[in-house]
Amino acid sequence: MNKNDLIETFAARIGVSKAEADRILNTFVDIVTETLKKGDEVNIAGFGHFIVTDRSARAGVNPRKPSERIQVPATKVPKFRAGKNLKEAVRSSI
């Protein structure tokens, strides 16, 4: 499912226009992004947990020159941990 499919599903289930569903989805994404940029977490009970983690610096290989070693700097990365209800729903569908 891509973003357009998600917007169409939102619009159909909620009974709003596609434009309104698009605004709802974009607002949700903006709120999660802004919250993670501040270093805070977003927890949606039963669904999951959006967090920011630190990835430490490490040695890597230059893909253009495999013999050349490079240093990959430390960075922050967003992560998502699925909640209990989401995990159970996916497991029961198999």
C-alpha atoms as a PDB file:
ATOM      1  CA  MET A   1       0.000   0.000   0.000  1.00  0.00           C
ATOM      2  CA  ASN A   2       1.400   3.386  -0.948  1.00  0.00           C
ATOM      3  CA  LYS A   3       0.434   6.855   0.264  1.00  0.00           C
ATOM      4  CA  ASN A   4      -2.311   7.345  -2.349  1.00  0.00           C
ATOM      5  CA  ASP A   5      -3.858   3.979  -1.461  1.00  0.00           C
ATOM      6  CA  LEU A   6      -3.768   4.940   2.200  1.00  0.00           C
ATOM      7  CA  ILE A   7      -5.444   8.285   1.462  1.00  0.00           C
ATOM      8  CA  GLU A   8      -8.196   6.558  -0.508  1.00  0.00           C
ATOM      9  CA  THR A   9      -8.764   4.074   2.323  1.00  0.00           C
ATOM     10  CA  PHE A  10      -8.883   6.895   4.898  1.00  0.00           C
ATOM     11  CA  ALA A  11     -11.394   8.810   2.786  1.00  0.00           C
ATOM     12  CA  ALA A  12     -13.636   5.781   2.311  1.00  0.00           C
ATOM     13  CA  ARG A  13     -13.595   4.631   5.941  1.00  0.00           C
ATOM     14  CA  ILE A  14     -13.978   8.040   7.552  1.00  0.00           C
ATOM     15  CA  GLY A  15     -16.361   9.392   4.936  1.00  0.00           C
ATOM     16  CA  VAL A  16     -14.346  12.477   4.002  1.00  0.00           C
ATOM     17  CA  SER A  17     -12.965  13.768   0.728  1.00  0.00           C
ATOM     18  CA  LYS A  18      -9.581  12.609  -0.529  1.00  0.00           C
ATOM     19  CA  ALA A  19      -8.255  16.148   0.002  1.00  0.00           C
ATOM     20  CA  GLU A  20      -9.314  16.057   3.667  1.00  0.00           C
ATOM     21  CA  ALA A  21      -7.848  12.570   4.110  1.00  0.00           C
ATOM     22  CA  ASP A  22      -4.592  13.819   2.552  1.00  0.00           C
ATOM     23  CA  ARG A  23      -4.479  16.713   5.048  1.00  0.00           C
ATOM     24  CA  ILE A  24      -5.111  14.296   7.938  1.00  0.00           C
ATOM     25  CA  LEU A  25      -2.333  11.950   6.862  1.00  0.00           C
ATOM     26  CA  ASN A  26       0.141  14.776   6.176  1.00  0.00           C
ATOM     27  CA  THR A  27      -0.661  16.346   9.550  1.00  0.00           C
ATOM     28  CA  PHE A  28       0.003  13.030  11.292  1.00  0.00           C
ATOM     29  CA  VAL A  29       3.347  12.633   9.496  1.00  0.00           C
ATOM     30  CA  ASP A  30       4.300  16.254  10.305  1.00  0.00           C
ATOM     31  CA  ILE A  31       3.466  15.830  13.996  1.00  0.00           C
ATOM     32  CA  VAL A  32       5.484  12.596  14.281  1.00  0.00           C
ATOM     33  CA  THR A  33       8.421  14.165  12.401  1.00  0.00           C
ATOM     34  CA  GLU A  34       8.439  17.333  14.532  1.00  0.00           C
ATOM     35  CA  THR A  35       8.202  15.331  17.745  1.00  0.00           C
ATOM     36  CA  LEU A  36      11.097  13.046  16.771  1.00  0.00           C
ATOM     37  CA  LYS A  37      13.213  16.040  15.685  1.00  0.00           C
ATOM     38  CA  LYS A  38      12.811  17.435  19.217  1.00  0.00           C
ATOM     39  CA  GLY A  39      14.090  14.132  20.596  1.00  0.00           C
ATOM     40  CA  ASP A  40      10.742  13.075  22.029  1.00  0.00           C
ATOM     41  CA  GLU A  41       8.879   9.824  21.398  1.00  0.00           C
ATOM     42  CA  VAL A  42       5.461   9.073  19.918  1.00  0.00           C
ATOM     43  CA  ASN A  43       3.584   6.175  21.479  1.00  0.00           C
ATOM     44  CA  ILE A  44       0.312   4.967  19.974  1.00  0.00           C
ATOM     45  CA  ALA A  45      -1.068   2.386  22.394  1.00  0.00           C
ATOM     46  CA  GLY A  46      -1.521  -1.004  20.766  1.00  0.00           C
ATOM     47  CA  PHE A  47      -0.027   0.138  17.470  1.00  0.00           C
ATOM     48  CA  GLY A  48       3.571   1.068  18.133  1.00  0.00           C
ATOM     49  CA  HIS A  49       6.264   3.384  19.320  1.00  0.00           C
ATOM     50  CA  PHE A  50       8.244   5.882  17.199  1.00  0.00           C
ATOM     51  CA  ILE A  51      11.641   6.694  18.728  1.00  0.00           C
ATOM     52  CA  VAL A  52      14.995   8.231  17.833  1.00  0.00           C
ATOM     53  CA  THR A  53      18.133   6.229  18.533  1.00  0.00           C
ATOM     54  CA  ASP A  54      21.808   7.054  18.235  1.00  0.00           C
ATOM     55  CA  ARG A  55      23.841   5.094  15.723  1.00  0.00           C
ATOM     56  CA  SER A  56      27.508   5.123  16.693  1.00  0.00           C
ATOM     57  CA  ALA A  57      30.360   5.899  14.326  1.00  0.00           C
ATOM     58  CA  ARG A  58      31.815   2.908  12.544  1.00  0.00           C
ATOM     59  CA  ALA A  59      34.295   1.877   9.891  1.00  0.00           C
ATOM     60  CA  GLY A  60      32.870   1.242   6.438  1.00  0.00           C
ATOM     61  CA  VAL A  61      33.911   0.467   2.883  1.00  0.00           C
ATOM     62  CA  ASN A  62      33.746   2.890  -0.040  1.00  0.00           C
ATOM     63  CA  PRO A  63      31.360   1.161  -2.501  1.00  0.00           C
ATOM     64  CA  ARG A  64      33.185   2.692  -5.481  1.00  0.00           C
ATOM     65  CA  LYS A  65      36.580   1.491  -4.242  1.00  0.00           C
ATOM     66  CA  PRO A  66      36.083  -1.625  -2.075  1.00  0.00           C
ATOM     67  CA  SER A  67      39.721  -1.548  -0.987  1.00  0.00           C
ATOM     68  CA  GLU A  68      39.287   1.923   0.526  1.00  0.00           C
ATOM     69  CA  ARG A  69      38.112   2.155   4.140  1.00  0.00           C
ATOM     70  CA  ILE A  70      36.016   5.128   5.262  1.00  0.00           C
ATOM     71  CA  GLN A  71      34.738   6.359   8.604  1.00  0.00           C
ATOM     72  CA  VAL A  72      30.944   6.567   8.836  1.00  0.00           C
ATOM     73  CA  PRO A  73      30.012   9.303  11.340  1.00  0.00           C
ATOM     74  CA  ALA A  74      27.640   8.879  14.266  1.00  0.00           C
ATOM     75  CA  THR A  75      24.054   9.901  13.572  1.00  0.00           C
ATOM     76  CA  LYS A  76      20.511   9.776  14.905  1.00  0.00           C
ATOM     77  CA  VAL A  77      17.982   7.501  13.222  1.00  0.00           C
ATOM     78  CA  PRO A  78      14.206   7.122  13.587  1.00  0.00           C
ATOM     79  CA  LYS A  79      12.899   3.695  14.547  1.00  0.00           C
ATOM     80  CA  PHE A  80       9.504   2.092  14.924  1.00  0.00           C
ATOM     81  CA  ARG A  81       8.695  -0.667  17.387  1.00  0.00           C
ATOM     82  CA  ALA A  82       5.451  -2.497  16.741  1.00  0.00           C
ATOM     83  CA  GLY A  83       3.001  -2.674  19.628  1.00  0.00           C
ATOM     84  CA  LYS A  84       1.478  -5.808  21.090  1.00  0.00           C
ATOM     85  CA  ASN A  85      -1.864  -5.528  19.257  1.00  0.00           C
ATOM     86  CA  LEU A  86      -0.165  -4.949  15.888  1.00  0.00           C
ATOM     87  CA  LYS A  87       2.166  -7.907  16.404  1.00  0.00           C
ATOM     88  CA  GLU A  88      -0.710 -10.184  17.386  1.00  0.00           C
ATOM     89  CA  ALA A  89      -2.829  -9.067  14.415  1.00  0.00           C
ATOM     90  CA  VAL A  90      -0.007  -9.790  11.968  1.00  0.00           C
ATOM     91  CA  ARG A  91       0.809 -13.152  13.562  1.00  0.00           C
ATOM     92  CA  SER A  92      -2.812 -14.302  13.517  1.00  0.00           C
ATOM     93  CA  SER A  93      -3.169 -13.452   9.814  1.00  0.00           C
ATOM     94  CA  ILE A  94      -0.505 -15.981   8.793  1.00  0.00           C
END
